Amino acid sequence: MKYLSNENVVHIKDGDIEYLQFKKLLEYKDKLQHCYTTRSNNYEKDNGENYKKLYDSLNLDYNKLVKIKEQIHSNLVQVIENEETKPDKVDGLITNKKEISFSLRFADCTPIYLYDPVKNVIGDIHSGWKGTVGKIAVEAVNKMIEEYNSNPKDIICCIGPAIGKCHFEVDEGVKNIFENTFSYMNINDKIIEKGEVKEGKQKYFIDTNLINRTMLEEIGLLEENIIESNICTVCNKDVLHSYRVDREKAGRNTAIMSLI
């Protein structure tokens, strides 16, 4: 079995349930629970049984699970006040309410975990490439500031497994979107790498992790409070679901987050 533990992440196996956890967030395990699931289970069209096993492993209440009905690759973030809320057509959730758990689904897109230990606020964010261009991570932090008076310097951000620059290959059109959107950062030479010409089309590689990190640092998060998993879903396709690899047959990894 391949384990994905590294300096920032631990790989947990509990019976037939497997997940990853950030060492930084485990420092707050008396206040917070979280995980990122692996290929061992597919939570895209789950009938509830796997979720219940996962929740038992995490000591969370399955009845207080909040899932987004449809994640639409937007920059929309919703405040959740209770588990009866049924969010739809958004890509991020935040709350300061205990025991409510968030569950978002991923297959190469970037999971962003936000935690303010001072105000005790969490955010669970789905940042696909369109969400990254829409700066959903910034939108989420701004909403934490507006709704809960969070100070960006207090916020911890953990960037979960996602398609890395090594495999996020795009055409000229998508490259231009990133180039135009983030030119103000003056790091296009770092976030965009010229690839090969394939079937007559020039290809490029994009570093969305660096983009998210830079955006968050610009709005006040401390460099040391932004922790990356350093795990590419494509490189680790035997352990994690990847849409780039499996296309329409791809399952989903799940990012769980809850105040306890």
C-alpha atoms as a PDB file:
ATOM      1  CA  MET A   1       0.000   0.000   0.000  1.00  0.00           C
ATOM      2  CA  LYS A   2       1.202   3.492  -0.849  1.00  0.00           C
ATOM      3  CA  TYR A   3       0.991   6.006   1.974  1.00  0.00           C
ATOM      4  CA  LEU A   4       0.950   9.733   1.285  1.00  0.00           C
ATOM      5  CA  SER A   5       2.276  10.944   4.624  1.00  0.00           C
ATOM      6  CA  ASN A   6       4.824  13.753   4.385  1.00  0.00           C
ATOM      7  CA  GLU A   7       6.059  16.688   6.465  1.00  0.00           C
ATOM      8  CA  ASN A   8       2.600  18.329   6.336  1.00  0.00           C
ATOM      9  CA  VAL A   9       0.136  15.455   5.963  1.00  0.00           C
ATOM     10  CA  VAL A  10      -0.570  12.127   7.642  1.00  0.00           C
ATOM     11  CA  HIS A  11      -2.316   9.179   5.954  1.00  0.00           C
ATOM     12  CA  ILE A  12      -4.755   7.394   8.280  1.00  0.00           C
ATOM     13  CA  LYS A  13      -6.184   3.905   7.738  1.00  0.00           C
ATOM     14  CA  ASP A  14      -9.073   2.834   9.972  1.00  0.00           C
ATOM     15  CA  GLY A  15     -10.426  -0.505   8.781  1.00  0.00           C
ATOM     16  CA  ASP A  16     -11.678   0.042   5.228  1.00  0.00           C
ATOM     17  CA  ILE A  17     -11.771   3.822   5.685  1.00  0.00           C
ATOM     18  CA  GLU A  18      -8.755   5.905   4.662  1.00  0.00           C
ATOM     19  CA  TYR A  19      -8.107   9.630   4.742  1.00  0.00           C
ATOM     20  CA  LEU A  20      -5.454  12.295   4.947  1.00  0.00           C
ATOM     21  CA  GLN A  21      -5.138  14.924   7.672  1.00  0.00           C
ATOM     22  CA  PHE A  22      -3.014  18.040   8.023  1.00  0.00           C
ATOM     23  CA  LYS A  23      -0.574  18.018  10.916  1.00  0.00           C
ATOM     24  CA  LYS A  24      -1.194  21.740  11.451  1.00  0.00           C
ATOM     25  CA  LEU A  25      -4.945  21.292  11.881  1.00  0.00           C
ATOM     26  CA  LEU A  26      -4.378  18.315  14.187  1.00  0.00           C
ATOM     27  CA  GLU A  27      -2.840  20.821  16.617  1.00  0.00           C
ATOM     28  CA  TYR A  28      -6.447  21.955  17.170  1.00  0.00           C
ATOM     29  CA  LYS A  29      -8.025  18.490  17.415  1.00  0.00           C
ATOM     30  CA  ASP A  30      -9.917  19.489  20.566  1.00  0.00           C
ATOM     31  CA  LYS A  31     -11.780  22.147  18.542  1.00  0.00           C
ATOM     32  CA  LEU A  32     -11.716  20.901  14.983  1.00  0.00           C
ATOM     33  CA  GLN A  33     -12.080  17.739  12.912  1.00  0.00           C
ATOM     34  CA  HIS A  34     -11.150  17.372   9.265  1.00  0.00           C
ATOM     35  CA  CYS A  35     -10.025  14.920   6.601  1.00  0.00           C
ATOM     36  CA  TYR A  36      -9.485  14.370   2.889  1.00  0.00           C
ATOM     37  CA  THR A  37     -10.568  10.933   1.705  1.00  0.00           C
ATOM     38  CA  THR A  38      -8.746   8.642  -0.714  1.00  0.00           C
ATOM     39  CA  ARG A  39      -9.580   6.358  -3.621  1.00  0.00           C
ATOM     40  CA  SER A  40     -10.456   3.587  -1.170  1.00  0.00           C
ATOM     41  CA  ASN A  41     -13.990   4.982  -1.248  1.00  0.00           C
ATOM     42  CA  ASN A  42     -16.001   6.952  -3.803  1.00  0.00           C
ATOM     43  CA  TYR A  43     -18.145   9.644  -2.232  1.00  0.00           C
ATOM     44  CA  GLU A  44     -19.572  11.033  -5.469  1.00  0.00           C
ATOM     45  CA  LYS A  45     -22.730   8.880  -5.517  1.00  0.00           C
ATOM     46  CA  ASP A  46     -22.593   7.489  -2.019  1.00  0.00           C
ATOM     47  CA  ASN A  47     -25.653   5.821  -0.522  1.00  0.00           C
ATOM     48  CA  GLY A  48     -24.711   6.946   2.966  1.00  0.00           C
ATOM     49  CA  GLU A  49     -23.043   3.808   4.274  1.00  0.00           C
ATOM     50  CA  ASN A  50     -19.505   4.940   3.504  1.00  0.00           C
ATOM     51  CA  TYR A  51     -20.221   8.390   4.879  1.00  0.00           C
ATOM     52  CA  LYS A  52     -21.477   6.842   8.104  1.00  0.00           C
ATOM     53  CA  LYS A  53     -18.342   4.726   8.438  1.00  0.00           C
ATOM     54  CA  LEU A  54     -16.207   7.782   7.777  1.00  0.00           C
ATOM     55  CA  TYR A  55     -18.127   9.835  10.318  1.00  0.00           C
ATOM     56  CA  ASP A  56     -17.786   7.080  12.908  1.00  0.00           C
ATOM     57  CA  SER A  57     -14.036   7.091  12.333  1.00  0.00           C
ATOM     58  CA  LEU A  58     -13.947  10.867  12.804  1.00  0.00           C
ATOM     59  CA  ASN A  59     -16.339  10.801  15.802  1.00  0.00           C
ATOM     60  CA  LEU A  60     -18.695  13.183  14.013  1.00  0.00           C
ATOM     61  CA  ASP A  61     -22.498  13.233  13.897  1.00  0.00           C
ATOM     62  CA  TYR A  62     -23.590  12.069  10.443  1.00  0.00           C
ATOM     63  CA  ASN A  63     -26.990  13.719  10.958  1.00  0.00           C
ATOM     64  CA  LYS A  64     -25.332  17.147  11.003  1.00  0.00           C
ATOM     65  CA  LEU A  65     -23.641  16.695   7.642  1.00  0.00           C
ATOM     66  CA  VAL A  66     -24.050  19.584   5.178  1.00  0.00           C
ATOM     67  CA  LYS A  67     -23.275  18.907   1.511  1.00  0.00           C
ATOM     68  CA  ILE A  68     -23.538  21.263  -1.439  1.00  0.00           C
ATOM     69  CA  LYS A  69     -26.155  19.954  -3.840  1.00  0.00           C
ATOM     70  CA  GLU A  70     -24.238  21.154  -6.896  1.00  0.00           C
ATOM     71  CA  GLN A  71     -20.704  22.536  -6.955  1.00  0.00           C
ATOM     72  CA  ILE A  72     -20.535  24.789 -10.016  1.00  0.00           C
ATOM     73  CA  HIS A  73     -16.881  25.923 -10.173  1.00  0.00           C
ATOM     74  CA  SER A  74     -17.824  29.409  -8.997  1.00  0.00           C
ATOM     75  CA  ASN A  75     -16.422  31.835  -6.437  1.00  0.00           C
ATOM     76  CA  LEU A  76     -19.604  31.751  -4.346  1.00  0.00           C
ATOM     77  CA  VAL A  77     -19.295  31.136  -0.597  1.00  0.00           C
ATOM     78  CA  GLN A  78     -22.258  30.592   1.744  1.00  0.00           C
ATOM     79  CA  VAL A  79     -22.560  31.067   5.502  1.00  0.00           C
ATOM     80  CA  ILE A  80     -24.148  28.050   7.200  1.00  0.00           C
ATOM     81  CA  GLU A  81     -26.102  28.581  10.433  1.00  0.00           C
ATOM     82  CA  ASN A  82     -27.565  25.099  10.938  1.00  0.00           C
ATOM     83  CA  GLU A  83     -27.517  21.603   9.517  1.00  0.00           C
ATOM     84  CA  GLU A  84     -30.968  22.034   7.952  1.00  0.00           C
ATOM     85  CA  THR A  85     -29.504  24.388   5.356  1.00  0.00           C
ATOM     86  CA  LYS A  86     -29.298  22.823   1.901  1.00  0.00           C
ATOM     87  CA  PRO A  87     -26.731  24.862  -0.019  1.00  0.00           C
ATOM     88  CA  ASP A  88     -26.896  24.710  -3.806  1.00  0.00           C
ATOM     89  CA  LYS A  89     -24.808  26.123  -6.635  1.00  0.00           C
ATOM     90  CA  VAL A  90     -21.973  27.384  -4.436  1.00  0.00           C
ATOM     91  CA  ASP A  91     -18.403  26.209  -3.931  1.00  0.00           C
ATOM     92  CA  GLY A  92     -17.537  27.247  -0.403  1.00  0.00           C
ATOM     93  CA  LEU A  93     -19.060  27.023   3.062  1.00  0.00           C
ATOM     94  CA  ILE A  94     -18.145  28.825   6.295  1.00  0.00           C
ATOM     95  CA  THR A  95     -19.519  28.699   9.835  1.00  0.00           C
ATOM     96  CA  ASN A  96     -18.781  29.345  13.497  1.00  0.00           C
ATOM     97  CA  LYS A  97     -21.369  26.807  14.646  1.00  0.00           C
ATOM     98  CA  LYS A  98     -20.127  23.699  16.398  1.00  0.00           C
ATOM     99  CA  GLU A  99     -20.928  20.147  15.271  1.00  0.00           C
ATOM    100  CA  ILE A 100     -22.073  21.166  11.778  1.00  0.00           C
ATOM    101  CA  SER A 101     -19.821  19.338   9.325  1.00  0.00           C
ATOM    102  CA  PHE A 102     -19.082  20.287   5.741  1.00  0.00           C
ATOM    103  CA  SER A 103     -18.465  17.791   2.955  1.00  0.00           C
ATOM    104  CA  LEU A 104     -17.199  18.954  -0.432  1.00  0.00           C
ATOM    105  CA  ARG A 105     -16.203  16.724  -3.373  1.00  0.00           C
ATOM    106  CA  PHE A 106     -13.021  16.823  -5.440  1.00  0.00           C
ATOM    107  CA  ALA A 107     -11.230  15.088  -8.302  1.00  0.00           C
ATOM    108  CA  ASP A 108      -8.202  17.296  -9.153  1.00  0.00           C
ATOM    109  CA  CYS A 109      -9.704  20.629  -8.034  1.00  0.00           C
ATOM    110  CA  THR A 110      -8.106  22.318  -5.041  1.00  0.00           C
ATOM    111  CA  PRO A 111      -9.517  21.771  -1.526  1.00  0.00           C
ATOM    112  CA  ILE A 112      -8.873  24.755   0.723  1.00  0.00           C
ATOM    113  CA  TYR A 113      -9.361  24.377   4.468  1.00  0.00           C
ATOM    114  CA  LEU A 114      -9.615  27.628   6.437  1.00  0.00           C
ATOM    115  CA  TYR A 115      -9.540  27.912  10.208  1.00  0.00           C
ATOM    116  CA  ASP A 116      -9.512  30.955  12.463  1.00  0.00           C
ATOM    117  CA  PRO A 117      -8.587  29.618  15.927  1.00  0.00           C
ATOM    118  CA  VAL A 118      -9.248  32.998  17.571  1.00  0.00           C
ATOM    119  CA  LYS A 119     -12.842  33.455  16.370  1.00  0.00           C
ATOM    120  CA  ASN A 120     -13.291  29.678  15.969  1.00  0.00           C
ATOM    121  CA  VAL A 121     -14.514  29.839  12.372  1.00  0.00           C
ATOM    122  CA  ILE A 122     -14.004  27.284   9.602  1.00  0.00           C
ATOM    123  CA  GLY A 123     -14.221  27.353   5.832  1.00  0.00           C
ATOM    124  CA  ASP A 124     -14.330  24.433   3.392  1.00  0.00           C
ATOM    125  CA  ILE A 125     -13.650  25.584  -0.167  1.00  0.00           C
ATOM    126  CA  HIS A 126     -13.764  23.925  -3.606  1.00  0.00           C
ATOM    127  CA  SER A 127     -11.406  25.831  -5.917  1.00  0.00           C
ATOM    128  CA  GLY A 128     -11.379  24.466  -9.444  1.00  0.00           C
ATOM    129  CA  TRP A 129      -9.400  26.408 -12.024  1.00  0.00           C
ATOM    130  CA  LYS A 130     -12.402  28.656 -12.672  1.00  0.00           C
ATOM    131  CA  GLY A 131     -12.827  29.163  -8.931  1.00  0.00           C
ATOM    132  CA  THR A 132      -9.153  30.007  -8.649  1.00  0.00           C
ATOM    133  CA  VAL A 133      -9.508  32.578 -11.438  1.00  0.00           C
ATOM    134  CA  GLY A 134     -12.555  33.890  -9.561  1.00  0.00           C
ATOM    135  CA  LYS A 135     -10.438  34.094  -6.377  1.00  0.00           C
ATOM    136  CA  ILE A 136     -12.804  31.998  -4.278  1.00  0.00           C
ATOM    137  CA  ALA A 137     -10.200  31.615  -1.524  1.00  0.00           C
ATOM    138  CA  VAL A 138     -10.080  35.401  -1.185  1.00  0.00           C
ATOM    139  CA  GLU A 139     -13.889  35.570  -1.243  1.00  0.00           C
ATOM    140  CA  ALA A 140     -14.022  33.059   1.602  1.00  0.00           C
ATOM    141  CA  VAL A 141     -11.521  34.941   3.752  1.00  0.00           C
ATOM    142  CA  ASN A 142     -13.334  38.223   3.101  1.00  0.00           C
ATOM    143  CA  LYS A 143     -16.597  36.615   4.187  1.00  0.00           C
ATOM    144  CA  MET A 144     -14.923  35.368   7.383  1.00  0.00           C
ATOM    145  CA  ILE A 145     -13.819  38.951   8.023  1.00  0.00           C
ATOM    146  CA  GLU A 146     -17.246  40.421   7.266  1.00  0.00           C
ATOM    147  CA  GLU A 147     -19.349  37.837   9.108  1.00  0.00           C
ATOM    148  CA  TYR A 148     -17.132  36.951  12.064  1.00  0.00           C
ATOM    149  CA  ASN A 149     -14.580  39.771  12.309  1.00  0.00           C
ATOM    150  CA  SER A 150     -11.703  37.396  11.596  1.00  0.00           C
ATOM    151  CA  ASN A 151      -8.208  38.813  11.337  1.00  0.00           C
ATOM    152  CA  PRO A 152      -6.371  37.403   8.271  1.00  0.00           C
ATOM    153  CA  LYS A 153      -3.204  37.110  10.364  1.00  0.00           C
ATOM    154  CA  ASP A 154      -4.980  34.553  12.558  1.00  0.00           C
ATOM    155  CA  ILE A 155      -6.338  32.403   9.722  1.00  0.00           C
ATOM    156  CA  ILE A 156      -4.711  29.072   8.945  1.00  0.00           C
ATOM    157  CA  CYS A 157      -5.056  27.810   5.383  1.00  0.00           C
ATOM    158  CA  CYS A 158      -4.329  24.239   4.352  1.00  0.00           C
ATOM    159  CA  ILE A 159      -4.250  23.552   0.618  1.00  0.00           C
ATOM    160  CA  GLY A 160      -5.136  19.923  -0.002  1.00  0.00           C
ATOM    161  CA  PRO A 161      -4.220  17.433  -2.730  1.00  0.00           C
ATOM    162  CA  ALA A 162      -4.968  18.699  -6.229  1.00  0.00           C
ATOM    163  CA  ILE A 163      -3.638  18.460  -9.739  1.00  0.00           C
ATOM    164  CA  GLY A 164      -0.133  19.904  -9.634  1.00  0.00           C
ATOM    165  CA  LYS A 165       1.684  22.132 -12.071  1.00  0.00           C
ATOM    166  CA  CYS A 166       3.360  18.956 -13.301  1.00  0.00           C
ATOM    167  CA  HIS A 167       0.042  17.765 -14.802  1.00  0.00           C
ATOM    168  CA  PHE A 168      -2.252  20.803 -15.116  1.00  0.00           C
ATOM    169  CA  GLU A 169      -1.688  21.147 -18.847  1.00  0.00           C
ATOM    170  CA  VAL A 170      -3.862  23.705 -20.664  1.00  0.00           C
ATOM    171  CA  ASP A 171      -4.309  25.261 -24.108  1.00  0.00           C
ATOM    172  CA  GLU A 172      -3.539  28.845 -25.095  1.00  0.00           C
ATOM    173  CA  GLY A 173      -7.022  30.079 -24.214  1.00  0.00           C
ATOM    174  CA  VAL A 174      -6.936  28.975 -20.581  1.00  0.00           C
ATOM    175  CA  LYS A 175      -3.317  30.115 -20.285  1.00  0.00           C
ATOM    176  CA  ASN A 176      -4.356  33.585 -21.438  1.00  0.00           C
ATOM    177  CA  ILE A 177      -7.103  33.727 -18.803  1.00  0.00           C
ATOM    178  CA  PHE A 178      -4.611  33.008 -16.035  1.00  0.00           C
ATOM    179  CA  GLU A 179      -2.028  35.334 -17.546  1.00  0.00           C
ATOM    180  CA  ASN A 180      -4.466  38.241 -17.795  1.00  0.00           C
ATOM    181  CA  THR A 181      -6.097  37.647 -14.408  1.00  0.00           C
ATOM    182  CA  PHE A 182      -2.910  37.386 -12.385  1.00  0.00           C
ATOM    183  CA  SER A 183      -0.515  39.636 -14.298  1.00  0.00           C
ATOM    184  CA  TYR A 184      -0.737  42.161 -11.432  1.00  0.00           C
ATOM    185  CA  MET A 185       1.116  39.684  -9.211  1.00  0.00           C
ATOM    186  CA  ASN A 186       4.187  39.877 -11.462  1.00  0.00           C
ATOM    187  CA  ILE A 187       4.801  36.125 -11.078  1.00  0.00           C
ATOM    188  CA  ASN A 188       3.476  34.843 -14.413  1.00  0.00           C
ATOM    189  CA  ASP A 189       6.916  33.400 -15.131  1.00  0.00           C
ATOM    190  CA  LYS A 190       6.490  31.211 -12.038  1.00  0.00           C
ATOM    191  CA  ILE A 191       2.835  30.225 -12.388  1.00  0.00           C
ATOM    192  CA  ILE A 192       2.914  29.539 -16.144  1.00  0.00           C
ATOM    193  CA  GLU A 193       5.379  27.190 -17.837  1.00  0.00           C
ATOM    194  CA  LYS A 194       5.517  26.623 -21.588  1.00  0.00           C
ATOM    195  CA  GLY A 195       5.027  22.992 -22.538  1.00  0.00           C
ATOM    196  CA  GLU A 196       5.167  21.050 -25.787  1.00  0.00           C
ATOM    197  CA  VAL A 197       3.251  21.515 -29.018  1.00  0.00           C
ATOM    198  CA  LYS A 198       0.705  18.725 -29.312  1.00  0.00           C
ATOM    199  CA  GLU A 199      -1.434  18.211 -32.418  1.00  0.00           C
ATOM    200  CA  GLY A 200      -0.419  21.660 -33.574  1.00  0.00           C
ATOM    201  CA  LYS A 201      -1.391  23.365 -30.330  1.00  0.00           C
ATOM    202  CA  GLN A 202       0.989  24.960 -27.847  1.00  0.00           C
ATOM    203  CA  LYS A 203       0.481  23.631 -24.329  1.00  0.00           C
ATOM    204  CA  TYR A 204       1.188  25.282 -20.974  1.00  0.00           C
ATOM    205  CA  PHE A 205       1.383  24.185 -17.338  1.00  0.00           C
ATOM    206  CA  ILE A 206      -0.269  26.246 -14.570  1.00  0.00           C
ATOM    207  CA  ASP A 207       0.611  26.320 -10.856  1.00  0.00           C
ATOM    208  CA  THR A 208      -2.697  26.941  -9.079  1.00  0.00           C
ATOM    209  CA  ASN A 209      -1.212  26.212  -5.648  1.00  0.00           C
ATOM    210  CA  LEU A 210       1.198  29.117  -6.002  1.00  0.00           C
ATOM    211  CA  ILE A 211      -1.614  31.355  -7.243  1.00  0.00           C
ATOM    212  CA  ASN A 212      -3.777  30.582  -4.212  1.00  0.00           C
ATOM    213  CA  ARG A 213      -0.865  31.020  -1.830  1.00  0.00           C
ATOM    214  CA  THR A 214       0.071  34.380  -3.333  1.00  0.00           C
ATOM    215  CA  MET A 215      -3.510  35.676  -3.304  1.00  0.00           C
ATOM    216  CA  LEU A 216      -3.937  34.735   0.342  1.00  0.00           C
ATOM    217  CA  GLU A 217      -0.649  36.289   1.388  1.00  0.00           C
ATOM    218  CA  GLU A 218      -1.688  39.491  -0.407  1.00  0.00           C
ATOM    219  CA  ILE A 219      -4.828  39.810   1.724  1.00  0.00           C
ATOM    220  CA  GLY A 220      -2.932  39.306   4.963  1.00  0.00           C
ATOM    221  CA  LEU A 221      -2.508  35.597   5.696  1.00  0.00           C
ATOM    222  CA  LEU A 222       0.915  34.843   7.092  1.00  0.00           C
ATOM    223  CA  GLU A 223       3.258  32.785   4.945  1.00  0.00           C
ATOM    224  CA  GLU A 224       3.798  30.304   7.765  1.00  0.00           C
ATOM    225  CA  ASN A 225       0.032  29.835   8.153  1.00  0.00           C
ATOM    226  CA  ILE A 226      -0.423  28.605   4.573  1.00  0.00           C
ATOM    227  CA  ILE A 227       0.380  24.900   4.446  1.00  0.00           C
ATOM    228  CA  GLU A 228       0.380  22.885   1.232  1.00  0.00           C
ATOM    229  CA  SER A 229      -0.110  19.126   1.051  1.00  0.00           C
ATOM    230  CA  ASN A 230       2.473  18.893  -1.757  1.00  0.00           C
ATOM    231  CA  ILE A 231       0.415  16.005  -3.158  1.00  0.00           C
ATOM    232  CA  CYS A 232      -0.610  15.895  -6.825  1.00  0.00           C
ATOM    233  CA  THR A 233      -3.764  13.877  -7.476  1.00  0.00           C
ATOM    234  CA  VAL A 234      -2.553  12.776 -10.921  1.00  0.00           C
ATOM    235  CA  CYS A 235       0.872  11.682  -9.676  1.00  0.00           C
ATOM    236  CA  ASN A 236      -0.949   9.708  -6.976  1.00  0.00           C
ATOM    237  CA  LYS A 237      -3.812   8.403  -9.113  1.00  0.00           C
ATOM    238  CA  ASP A 238      -3.510   4.975  -7.500  1.00  0.00           C
ATOM    239  CA  VAL A 239      -4.453   6.481  -4.125  1.00  0.00           C
ATOM    240  CA  LEU A 240      -6.590   9.503  -5.043  1.00  0.00           C
ATOM    241  CA  HIS A 241      -9.413  10.062  -7.522  1.00  0.00           C
ATOM    242  CA  SER A 242      -8.427  12.158 -10.550  1.00  0.00           C
ATOM    243  CA  TYR A 243     -10.719  13.463 -13.263  1.00  0.00           C
ATOM    244  CA  ARG A 244      -7.740  14.147 -15.517  1.00  0.00           C
ATOM    245  CA  VAL A 245      -6.926  10.430 -15.337  1.00  0.00           C
ATOM    246  CA  ASP A 246     -10.347   8.757 -15.261  1.00  0.00           C
ATOM    247  CA  ARG A 247     -12.542  11.415 -16.904  1.00  0.00           C
ATOM    248  CA  GLU A 248     -16.276  10.654 -16.614  1.00  0.00           C
ATOM    249  CA  LYS A 249     -15.516   7.471 -14.685  1.00  0.00           C
ATOM    250  CA  ALA A 250     -13.707   9.382 -11.953  1.00  0.00           C
ATOM    251  CA  GLY A 251     -14.885   9.041  -8.381  1.00  0.00           C
ATOM    252  CA  ARG A 252     -14.567  11.827  -5.845  1.00  0.00           C
ATOM    253  CA  ASN A 253     -12.360  12.546  -2.859  1.00  0.00           C
ATOM    254  CA  THR A 254     -14.145  14.292  -0.019  1.00  0.00           C
ATOM    255  CA  ALA A 255     -12.972  17.190   2.141  1.00  0.00           C
ATOM    256  CA  ILE A 256     -14.645  17.079   5.547  1.00  0.00           C
ATOM    257  CA  MET A 257     -14.425  19.903   8.088  1.00  0.00           C
ATOM    258  CA  SER A 258     -16.256  20.481  11.370  1.00  0.00           C
ATOM    259  CA  LEU A 259     -16.004  22.421  14.615  1.00  0.00           C
ATOM    260  CA  ILE A 260     -16.499  20.078  17.568  1.00  0.00           C
END
